Amino acid sequence: MMKLERIIAEIEKTKETISKQQAKLRELEAQKTEVENLQIVQMVRALRMTPAELSTFLHGKPDNAAATTTAAANSSLFSRQEDTKNE
């Protein structure tokens, strides 16, 4: 009988550990979502578009002002200097 009790205790301990790990996983996923959302907000703010321009941009119908603003922001956000030392 001692062996059965030990196995039952181990099962309970394992269930408790799994429960704690699931809670930790949910918390980490929530933190990840929060950081992703913050990054999105920062990128949108870097574009310095008016709400109307942003709405137009997101709907896929950029006018000249929004296209110019977006192009300028994209070039500054994603610009990088080319390595020409080895050429």
PDB file of N, CA and C in Angstrom:
ATOM      1  N   MET A   1       0.817  -1.197   0.000  1.00  0.00           N
ATOM      2  CA  MET A   1       0.000   0.000   0.000  1.00  0.00           C
ATOM      3  C   MET A   1       0.860   1.260   0.000  1.00  0.00           C
ATOM      4  N   MET A   2       2.017   1.185   0.598  1.00  0.00           N
ATOM      5  CA  MET A   2       2.892   2.348   0.691  1.00  0.00           C
ATOM      6  C   MET A   2       3.254   2.867  -0.695  1.00  0.00           C
ATOM      7  N   LYS A   3       3.489   1.946  -1.626  1.00  0.00           N
ATOM      8  CA  LYS A   3       3.858   2.329  -2.978  1.00  0.00           C
ATOM      9  C   LYS A   3       2.719   3.102  -3.646  1.00  0.00           C
ATOM     10  N   LEU A   4       1.484   2.654  -3.459  1.00  0.00           N
ATOM     11  CA  LEU A   4       0.322   3.320  -4.038  1.00  0.00           C
ATOM     12  C   LEU A   4       0.181   4.741  -3.491  1.00  0.00           C
ATOM     13  N   GLU A   5       0.353   4.904  -2.195  1.00  0.00           N
ATOM     14  CA  GLU A   5       0.253   6.233  -1.582  1.00  0.00           C
ATOM     15  C   GLU A   5       1.336   7.168  -2.111  1.00  0.00           C
ATOM     16  N   ARG A   6       2.521   6.624  -2.304  1.00  0.00           N
ATOM     17  CA  ARG A   6       3.625   7.424  -2.836  1.00  0.00           C
ATOM     18  C   ARG A   6       3.324   7.875  -4.277  1.00  0.00           C
ATOM     19  N   ILE A   7       2.761   6.961  -5.061  1.00  0.00           N
ATOM     20  CA  ILE A   7       2.405   7.306  -6.443  1.00  0.00           C
ATOM     21  C   ILE A   7       1.307   8.363  -6.463  1.00  0.00           C
ATOM     22  N   ILE A   8       0.312   8.220  -5.616  1.00  0.00           N
ATOM     23  CA  ILE A   8      -0.776   9.206  -5.536  1.00  0.00           C
ATOM     24  C   ILE A   8      -0.227  10.568  -5.124  1.00  0.00           C
ATOM     25  N   ALA A   9       0.681  10.581  -4.166  1.00  0.00           N
ATOM     26  CA  ALA A   9       1.294  11.842  -3.726  1.00  0.00           C
ATOM     27  C   ALA A   9       2.085  12.478  -4.863  1.00  0.00           C
ATOM     28  N   GLU A  10       2.803  11.652  -5.619  1.00  0.00           N
ATOM     29  CA  GLU A  10       3.581  12.159  -6.754  1.00  0.00           C
ATOM     30  C   GLU A  10       2.658  12.730  -7.835  1.00  0.00           C
ATOM     31  N   ILE A  11       1.526  12.079  -8.062  1.00  0.00           N
ATOM     32  CA  ILE A  11       0.542  12.580  -9.029  1.00  0.00           C
ATOM     33  C   ILE A  11       0.036  13.952  -8.598  1.00  0.00           C
ATOM     34  N   GLU A  12      -0.314  14.095  -7.336  1.00  0.00           N
ATOM     35  CA  GLU A  12      -0.811  15.373  -6.824  1.00  0.00           C
ATOM     36  C   GLU A  12       0.250  16.463  -6.941  1.00  0.00           C
ATOM     37  N   LYS A  13       1.473  16.107  -6.616  1.00  0.00           N
ATOM     38  CA  LYS A  13       2.580  17.065  -6.708  1.00  0.00           C
ATOM     39  C   LYS A  13       2.783  17.504  -8.162  1.00  0.00           C
ATOM     40  N   THR A  14       2.704  16.556  -9.072  1.00  0.00           N
ATOM     41  CA  THR A  14       2.873  16.860 -10.496  1.00  0.00           C
ATOM     42  C   THR A  14       1.739  17.746 -11.000  1.00  0.00           C
ATOM     43  N   LYS A  15       0.515  17.460 -10.583  1.00  0.00           N
ATOM     44  CA  LYS A  15      -0.632  18.289 -10.975  1.00  0.00           C
ATOM     45  C   LYS A  15      -0.453  19.723 -10.478  1.00  0.00           C
ATOM     46  N   GLU A  16       0.028  19.862  -9.254  1.00  0.00           N
ATOM     47  CA  GLU A  16       0.256  21.196  -8.686  1.00  0.00           C
ATOM     48  C   GLU A  16       1.335  21.940  -9.477  1.00  0.00           C
ATOM     49  N   THR A  17       2.407  21.243  -9.818  1.00  0.00           N
ATOM     50  CA  THR A  17       3.488  21.847 -10.602  1.00  0.00           C
ATOM     51  C   THR A  17       2.982  22.287 -11.969  1.00  0.00           C
ATOM     52  N   ILE A  18       2.194  21.431 -12.604  1.00  0.00           N
ATOM     53  CA  ILE A  18       1.634  21.764 -13.918  1.00  0.00           C
ATOM     54  C   ILE A  18       0.747  22.996 -13.815  1.00  0.00           C
ATOM     55  N   SER A  19      -0.063  23.055 -12.784  1.00  0.00           N
ATOM     56  CA  SER A  19      -0.952  24.198 -12.589  1.00  0.00           C
ATOM     57  C   SER A  19      -0.162  25.495 -12.430  1.00  0.00           C
ATOM     58  N   LYS A  20       0.910  25.439 -11.650  1.00  0.00           N
ATOM     59  CA  LYS A  20       1.752  26.626 -11.458  1.00  0.00           C
ATOM     60  C   LYS A  20       2.417  27.039 -12.764  1.00  0.00           C
ATOM     61  N   GLN A  21       2.889  26.069 -13.530  1.00  0.00           N
ATOM     62  CA  GLN A  21       3.548  26.369 -14.799  1.00  0.00           C
ATOM     63  C   GLN A  21       2.559  26.950 -15.811  1.00  0.00           C
ATOM     64  N   GLN A  22       1.326  26.468 -15.807  1.00  0.00           N
ATOM     65  CA  GLN A  22       0.308  27.019 -16.698  1.00  0.00           C
ATOM     66  C   GLN A  22       0.005  28.471 -16.340  1.00  0.00           C
ATOM     67  N   ALA A  23      -0.054  28.765 -15.056  1.00  0.00           N
ATOM     68  CA  ALA A  23      -0.276  30.144 -14.622  1.00  0.00           C
ATOM     69  C   ALA A  23       0.890  31.028 -15.041  1.00  0.00           C
ATOM     70  N   LYS A  24       2.099  30.510 -14.894  1.00  0.00           N
ATOM     71  CA  LYS A  24       3.290  31.261 -15.306  1.00  0.00           C
ATOM     72  C   LYS A  24       3.268  31.503 -16.811  1.00  0.00           C
ATOM     73  N   LEU A  25       2.873  30.492 -17.580  1.00  0.00           N
ATOM     74  CA  LEU A  25       2.789  30.621 -19.032  1.00  0.00           C
ATOM     75  C   LEU A  25       1.774  31.693 -19.426  1.00  0.00           C
ATOM     76  N   ARG A  26       0.616  31.700 -18.781  1.00  0.00           N
ATOM     77  CA  ARG A  26      -0.397  32.722 -19.080  1.00  0.00           C
ATOM     78  C   ARG A  26       0.139  34.121 -18.790  1.00  0.00           C
ATOM     79  N   GLU A  27       0.857  34.264 -17.685  1.00  0.00           N
ATOM     80  CA  GLU A  27       1.431  35.561 -17.320  1.00  0.00           C
ATOM     81  C   GLU A  27       2.478  35.997 -18.341  1.00  0.00           C
ATOM     82  N   LEU A  28       3.329  35.088 -18.756  1.00  0.00           N
ATOM     83  CA  LEU A  28       4.357  35.421 -19.751  1.00  0.00           C
ATOM     84  C   LEU A  28       3.737  35.788 -21.097  1.00  0.00           C
ATOM     85  N   GLU A  29       2.685  35.087 -21.480  1.00  0.00           N
ATOM     86  CA  GLU A  29       2.005  35.417 -22.731  1.00  0.00           C
ATOM     87  C   GLU A  29       1.363  36.796 -22.652  1.00  0.00           C
ATOM     88  N   ALA A  30       0.809  37.139 -21.498  1.00  0.00           N
ATOM     89  CA  ALA A  30       0.225  38.469 -21.311  1.00  0.00           C
ATOM     90  C   ALA A  30       1.307  39.545 -21.394  1.00  0.00           C
ATOM     91  N   GLN A  31       2.464  39.289 -20.786  1.00  0.00           N
ATOM     92  CA  GLN A  31       3.576  40.241 -20.856  1.00  0.00           C
ATOM     93  C   GLN A  31       4.054  40.413 -22.291  1.00  0.00           C
ATOM     94  N   LYS A  32       4.132  39.323 -23.033  1.00  0.00           N
ATOM     95  CA  LYS A  32       4.559  39.367 -24.432  1.00  0.00           C
ATOM     96  C   LYS A  32       3.602  40.225 -25.250  1.00  0.00           C
ATOM     97  N   THR A  33       2.305  40.016 -25.058  1.00  0.00           N
ATOM     98  CA  THR A  33       1.303  40.797 -25.778  1.00  0.00           C
ATOM     99  C   THR A  33       1.424  42.274 -25.436  1.00  0.00           C
ATOM    100  N   GLU A  34       1.642  42.568 -24.171  1.00  0.00           N
ATOM    101  CA  GLU A  34       1.799  43.955 -23.724  1.00  0.00           C
ATOM    102  C   GLU A  34       2.993  44.621 -24.406  1.00  0.00           C
ATOM    103  N   VAL A  35       4.115  43.931 -24.462  1.00  0.00           N
ATOM    104  CA  VAL A  35       5.320  44.489 -25.090  1.00  0.00           C
ATOM    105  C   VAL A  35       5.111  44.655 -26.594  1.00  0.00           C
ATOM    106  N   GLU A  36       4.467  43.678 -27.231  1.00  0.00           N
ATOM    107  CA  GLU A  36       4.177  43.796 -28.665  1.00  0.00           C
ATOM    108  C   GLU A  36       3.292  45.004 -28.940  1.00  0.00           C
ATOM    109  N   ASN A  37       2.276  45.189 -28.121  1.00  0.00           N
ATOM    110  CA  ASN A  37       1.387  46.337 -28.295  1.00  0.00           C
ATOM    111  C   ASN A  37       2.133  47.653 -28.110  1.00  0.00           C
ATOM    112  N   LEU A  38       3.016  47.699 -27.131  1.00  0.00           N
ATOM    113  CA  LEU A  38       3.810  48.902 -26.895  1.00  0.00           C
ATOM    114  C   LEU A  38       4.703  49.203 -28.094  1.00  0.00           C
ATOM    115  N   GLN A  39       5.305  48.166 -28.668  1.00  0.00           N
ATOM    116  CA  GLN A  39       6.150  48.359 -29.850  1.00  0.00           C
ATOM    117  C   GLN A  39       5.338  48.886 -31.031  1.00  0.00           C
ATOM    118  N   ILE A  40       4.135  48.373 -31.203  1.00  0.00           N
ATOM    119  CA  ILE A  40       3.271  48.845 -32.286  1.00  0.00           C
ATOM    120  C   ILE A  40       2.936  50.315 -32.084  1.00  0.00           C
ATOM    121  N   VAL A  41       2.582  50.683 -30.871  1.00  0.00           N
ATOM    122  CA  VAL A  41       2.255  52.081 -30.575  1.00  0.00           C
ATOM    123  C   VAL A  41       3.457  52.978 -30.852  1.00  0.00           C
ATOM    124  N   GLN A  42       4.644  52.545 -30.454  1.00  0.00           N
ATOM    125  CA  GLN A  42       5.848  53.344 -30.693  1.00  0.00           C
ATOM    126  C   GLN A  42       6.116  53.515 -32.183  1.00  0.00           C
ATOM    127  N   MET A  43       5.920  52.451 -32.963  1.00  0.00           N
ATOM    128  CA  MET A  43       6.133  52.552 -34.410  1.00  0.00           C
ATOM    129  C   MET A  43       5.129  53.503 -35.051  1.00  0.00           C
ATOM    130  N   VAL A  44       3.888  53.425 -34.617  1.00  0.00           N
ATOM    131  CA  VAL A  44       2.857  54.303 -35.169  1.00  0.00           C
ATOM    132  C   VAL A  44       3.156  55.750 -34.805  1.00  0.00           C
ATOM    133  N   ARG A  45       3.571  55.987 -33.571  1.00  0.00           N
ATOM    134  CA  ARG A  45       3.910  57.357 -33.166  1.00  0.00           C
ATOM    135  C   ARG A  45       5.110  57.885 -33.936  1.00  0.00           C
ATOM    136  N   ALA A  46       6.041  57.014 -34.285  1.00  0.00           N
ATOM    137  CA  ALA A  46       7.224  57.434 -35.037  1.00  0.00           C
ATOM    138  C   ALA A  46       6.851  57.922 -36.434  1.00  0.00           C
ATOM    139  N   LEU A  47       5.720  57.467 -36.949  1.00  0.00           N
ATOM    140  CA  LEU A  47       5.277  57.906 -38.277  1.00  0.00           C
ATOM    141  C   LEU A  47       4.782  59.351 -38.264  1.00  0.00           C
ATOM    142  N   ARG A  48       4.397  59.830 -37.100  1.00  0.00           N
ATOM    143  CA  ARG A  48       3.911  61.200 -36.920  1.00  0.00           C
ATOM    144  C   ARG A  48       2.814  61.561 -37.918  1.00  0.00           C
ATOM    145  N   MET A  49       1.851  60.689 -38.019  1.00  0.00           N
ATOM    146  CA  MET A  49       0.709  60.907 -38.899  1.00  0.00           C
ATOM    147  C   MET A  49      -0.465  61.415 -38.067  1.00  0.00           C
ATOM    148  N   THR A  50      -1.316  62.171 -38.709  1.00  0.00           N
ATOM    149  CA  THR A  50      -2.553  62.572 -38.050  1.00  0.00           C
ATOM    150  C   THR A  50      -3.450  61.339 -37.984  1.00  0.00           C
ATOM    151  N   PRO A  51      -4.439  61.361 -37.106  1.00  0.00           N
ATOM    152  CA  PRO A  51      -5.357  60.215 -37.055  1.00  0.00           C
ATOM    153  C   PRO A  51      -6.025  59.937 -38.406  1.00  0.00           C
ATOM    154  N   ALA A  52      -6.353  60.994 -39.137  1.00  0.00           N
ATOM    155  CA  ALA A  52      -6.970  60.811 -40.455  1.00  0.00           C
ATOM    156  C   ALA A  52      -5.990  60.153 -41.424  1.00  0.00           C
ATOM    157  N   GLU A  53      -4.736  60.589 -41.405  1.00  0.00           N
ATOM    158  CA  GLU A  53      -3.720  59.996 -42.278  1.00  0.00           C
ATOM    159  C   GLU A  53      -3.488  58.528 -41.917  1.00  0.00           C
ATOM    160  N   LEU A  54      -3.446  58.244 -40.628  1.00  0.00           N
ATOM    161  CA  LEU A  54      -3.243  56.870 -40.181  1.00  0.00           C
ATOM    162  C   LEU A  54      -4.400  55.981 -40.629  1.00  0.00           C
ATOM    163  N   SER A  55      -5.604  56.479 -40.473  1.00  0.00           N
ATOM    164  CA  SER A  55      -6.778  55.717 -40.897  1.00  0.00           C
ATOM    165  C   SER A  55      -6.738  55.439 -42.392  1.00  0.00           C
ATOM    166  N   THR A  56      -6.401  56.453 -43.167  1.00  0.00           N
ATOM    167  CA  THR A  56      -6.303  56.284 -44.615  1.00  0.00           C
ATOM    168  C   THR A  56      -5.219  55.272 -44.951  1.00  0.00           C
ATOM    169  N   PHE A  57      -4.098  55.380 -44.287  1.00  0.00           N
ATOM    170  CA  PHE A  57      -2.981  54.457 -44.517  1.00  0.00           C
ATOM    171  C   PHE A  57      -3.383  53.016 -44.200  1.00  0.00           C
ATOM    172  N   LEU A  58      -4.048  52.824 -43.075  1.00  0.00           N
ATOM    173  CA  LEU A  58      -4.441  51.479 -42.662  1.00  0.00           C
ATOM    174  C   LEU A  58      -5.500  50.875 -43.575  1.00  0.00           C
ATOM    175  N   HIS A  59      -6.285  51.725 -44.207  1.00  0.00           N
ATOM    176  CA  HIS A  59      -7.303  51.243 -45.132  1.00  0.00           C
ATOM    177  C   HIS A  59      -6.742  51.027 -46.531  1.00  0.00           C
ATOM    178  N   GLY A  60      -5.459  51.316 -46.720  1.00  0.00           N
ATOM    179  CA  GLY A  60      -4.805  51.041 -47.987  1.00  0.00           C
ATOM    180  C   GLY A  60      -5.069  52.044 -49.082  1.00  0.00           C
ATOM    181  N   LYS A  61      -5.464  53.257 -48.729  1.00  0.00           N
ATOM    182  CA  LYS A  61      -5.732  54.294 -49.719  1.00  0.00           C
ATOM    183  C   LYS A  61      -4.902  55.530 -49.399  1.00  0.00           C
ATOM    184  N   PRO A  62      -3.588  55.433 -49.479  1.00  0.00           N
ATOM    185  CA  PRO A  62      -2.769  56.590 -49.094  1.00  0.00           C
ATOM    186  C   PRO A  62      -2.909  57.749 -50.075  1.00  0.00           C
ATOM    187  N   ASP A  63      -3.131  58.931 -49.515  1.00  0.00           N
ATOM    188  CA  ASP A  63      -3.113  60.133 -50.348  1.00  0.00           C
ATOM    189  C   ASP A  63      -1.681  60.662 -50.371  1.00  0.00           C
ATOM    190  N   ASN A  64      -1.445  61.755 -51.025  1.00  0.00           N
ATOM    191  CA  ASN A  64      -0.085  62.273 -51.169  1.00  0.00           C
ATOM    192  C   ASN A  64       0.557  62.608 -49.832  1.00  0.00           C
ATOM    193  N   ALA A  65      -0.176  63.253 -48.947  1.00  0.00           N
ATOM    194  CA  ALA A  65       0.395  63.660 -47.659  1.00  0.00           C
ATOM    195  C   ALA A  65       0.759  62.435 -46.824  1.00  0.00           C
ATOM    196  N   ALA A  66      -0.143  61.489 -46.761  1.00  0.00           N
ATOM    197  CA  ALA A  66       0.119  60.291 -45.967  1.00  0.00           C
ATOM    198  C   ALA A  66       1.249  59.475 -46.579  1.00  0.00           C
ATOM    199  N   ALA A  67       1.264  59.378 -47.889  1.00  0.00           N
ATOM    200  CA  ALA A  67       2.318  58.611 -48.560  1.00  0.00           C
ATOM    201  C   ALA A  67       3.675  59.251 -48.325  1.00  0.00           C
ATOM    202  N   THR A  68       3.729  60.575 -48.390  1.00  0.00           N
ATOM    203  CA  THR A  68       4.986  61.283 -48.162  1.00  0.00           C
ATOM    204  C   THR A  68       5.446  61.095 -46.725  1.00  0.00           C
ATOM    205  N   THR A  69       4.526  61.250 -45.786  1.00  0.00           N
ATOM    206  CA  THR A  69       4.859  61.080 -44.373  1.00  0.00           C
ATOM    207  C   THR A  69       5.326  59.657 -44.105  1.00  0.00           C
ATOM    208  N   THR A  70       4.623  58.704 -44.658  1.00  0.00           N
ATOM    209  CA  THR A  70       4.974  57.305 -44.451  1.00  0.00           C
ATOM    210  C   THR A  70       6.328  56.983 -45.057  1.00  0.00           C
ATOM    211  N   ALA A  71       6.574  57.454 -46.253  1.00  0.00           N
ATOM    212  CA  ALA A  71       7.854  57.184 -46.912  1.00  0.00           C
ATOM    213  C   ALA A  71       9.010  57.780 -46.113  1.00  0.00           C
ATOM    214  N   ALA A  72       8.832  58.996 -45.631  1.00  0.00           N
ATOM    215  CA  ALA A  72       9.885  59.646 -44.851  1.00  0.00           C
ATOM    216  C   ALA A  72      10.128  58.892 -43.544  1.00  0.00           C
ATOM    217  N   ALA A  73       9.058  58.493 -42.901  1.00  0.00           N
ATOM    218  CA  ALA A  73       9.195  57.771 -41.638  1.00  0.00           C
ATOM    219  C   ALA A  73       9.825  56.402 -41.862  1.00  0.00           C
ATOM    220  N   ASN A  74       9.397  55.721 -42.899  1.00  0.00           N
ATOM    221  CA  ASN A  74       9.958  54.399 -43.183  1.00  0.00           C
ATOM    222  C   ASN A  74      11.437  54.486 -43.507  1.00  0.00           C
ATOM    223  N   SER A  75      11.827  55.497 -44.252  1.00  0.00           N
ATOM    224  CA  SER A  75      13.241  55.602 -44.606  1.00  0.00           C
ATOM    225  C   SER A  75      14.090  55.879 -43.373  1.00  0.00           C
ATOM    226  N   SER A  76      13.560  56.643 -42.423  1.00  0.00           N
ATOM    227  CA  SER A  76      14.334  56.910 -41.213  1.00  0.00           C
ATOM    228  C   SER A  76      14.301  55.725 -40.253  1.00  0.00           C
ATOM    229  N   LEU A  77      13.190  54.991 -40.216  1.00  0.00           N
ATOM    230  CA  LEU A  77      13.088  53.845 -39.320  1.00  0.00           C
ATOM    231  C   LEU A  77      13.922  52.667 -39.798  1.00  0.00           C
ATOM    232  N   PHE A  78      13.955  52.478 -41.098  1.00  0.00           N
ATOM    233  CA  PHE A  78      14.576  51.278 -41.627  1.00  0.00           C
ATOM    234  C   PHE A  78      15.850  51.549 -42.412  1.00  0.00           C
ATOM    235  N   SER A  79      16.400  52.745 -42.272  1.00  0.00           N
ATOM    236  CA  SER A  79      17.629  53.040 -43.001  1.00  0.00           C
ATOM    237  C   SER A  79      18.807  52.399 -42.284  1.00  0.00           C
ATOM    238  N   ARG A  80      19.783  52.009 -43.082  1.00  0.00           N
ATOM    239  CA  ARG A  80      20.996  51.464 -42.501  1.00  0.00           C
ATOM    240  C   ARG A  80      22.140  51.808 -43.436  1.00  0.00           C
ATOM    241  N   GLN A  81      23.285  51.937 -42.864  1.00  0.00           N
ATOM    242  CA  GLN A  81      24.451  52.298 -43.644  1.00  0.00           C
ATOM    243  C   GLN A  81      25.079  51.025 -44.195  1.00  0.00           C
ATOM    244  N   GLU A  82      25.409  51.070 -45.474  1.00  0.00           N
ATOM    245  CA  GLU A  82      25.983  49.906 -46.123  1.00  0.00           C
ATOM    246  C   GLU A  82      27.460  49.792 -45.780  1.00  0.00           C
ATOM    247  N   ASP A  83      27.893  48.588 -45.533  1.00  0.00           N
ATOM    248  CA  ASP A  83      29.293  48.330 -45.219  1.00  0.00           C
ATOM    249  C   ASP A  83      30.081  48.249 -46.521  1.00  0.00           C
ATOM    250  N   THR A  84      30.954  49.240 -46.759  1.00  0.00           N
ATOM    251  CA  THR A  84      31.719  49.273 -48.010  1.00  0.00           C
ATOM    252  C   THR A  84      33.210  49.113 -47.767  1.00  0.00           C
ATOM    253  N   LYS A  85      33.616  48.731 -46.591  1.00  0.00           N
ATOM    254  CA  LYS A  85      35.036  48.598 -46.275  1.00  0.00           C
ATOM    255  C   LYS A  85      35.700  47.488 -47.083  1.00  0.00           C
ATOM    256  N   ASN A  86      34.970  46.432 -47.353  1.00  0.00           N
ATOM    257  CA  ASN A  86      35.552  45.279 -48.033  1.00  0.00           C
ATOM    258  C   ASN A  86      35.417  45.340 -49.548  1.00  0.00           C
ATOM    259  N   GLU A  87      34.901  46.400 -50.087  1.00  0.00           N
ATOM    260  CA  GLU A  87      34.711  46.489 -51.538  1.00  0.00           C
ATOM    261  C   GLU A  87      35.842  47.196 -52.210  1.00  0.00           C
TER     262      GLU A  87
END
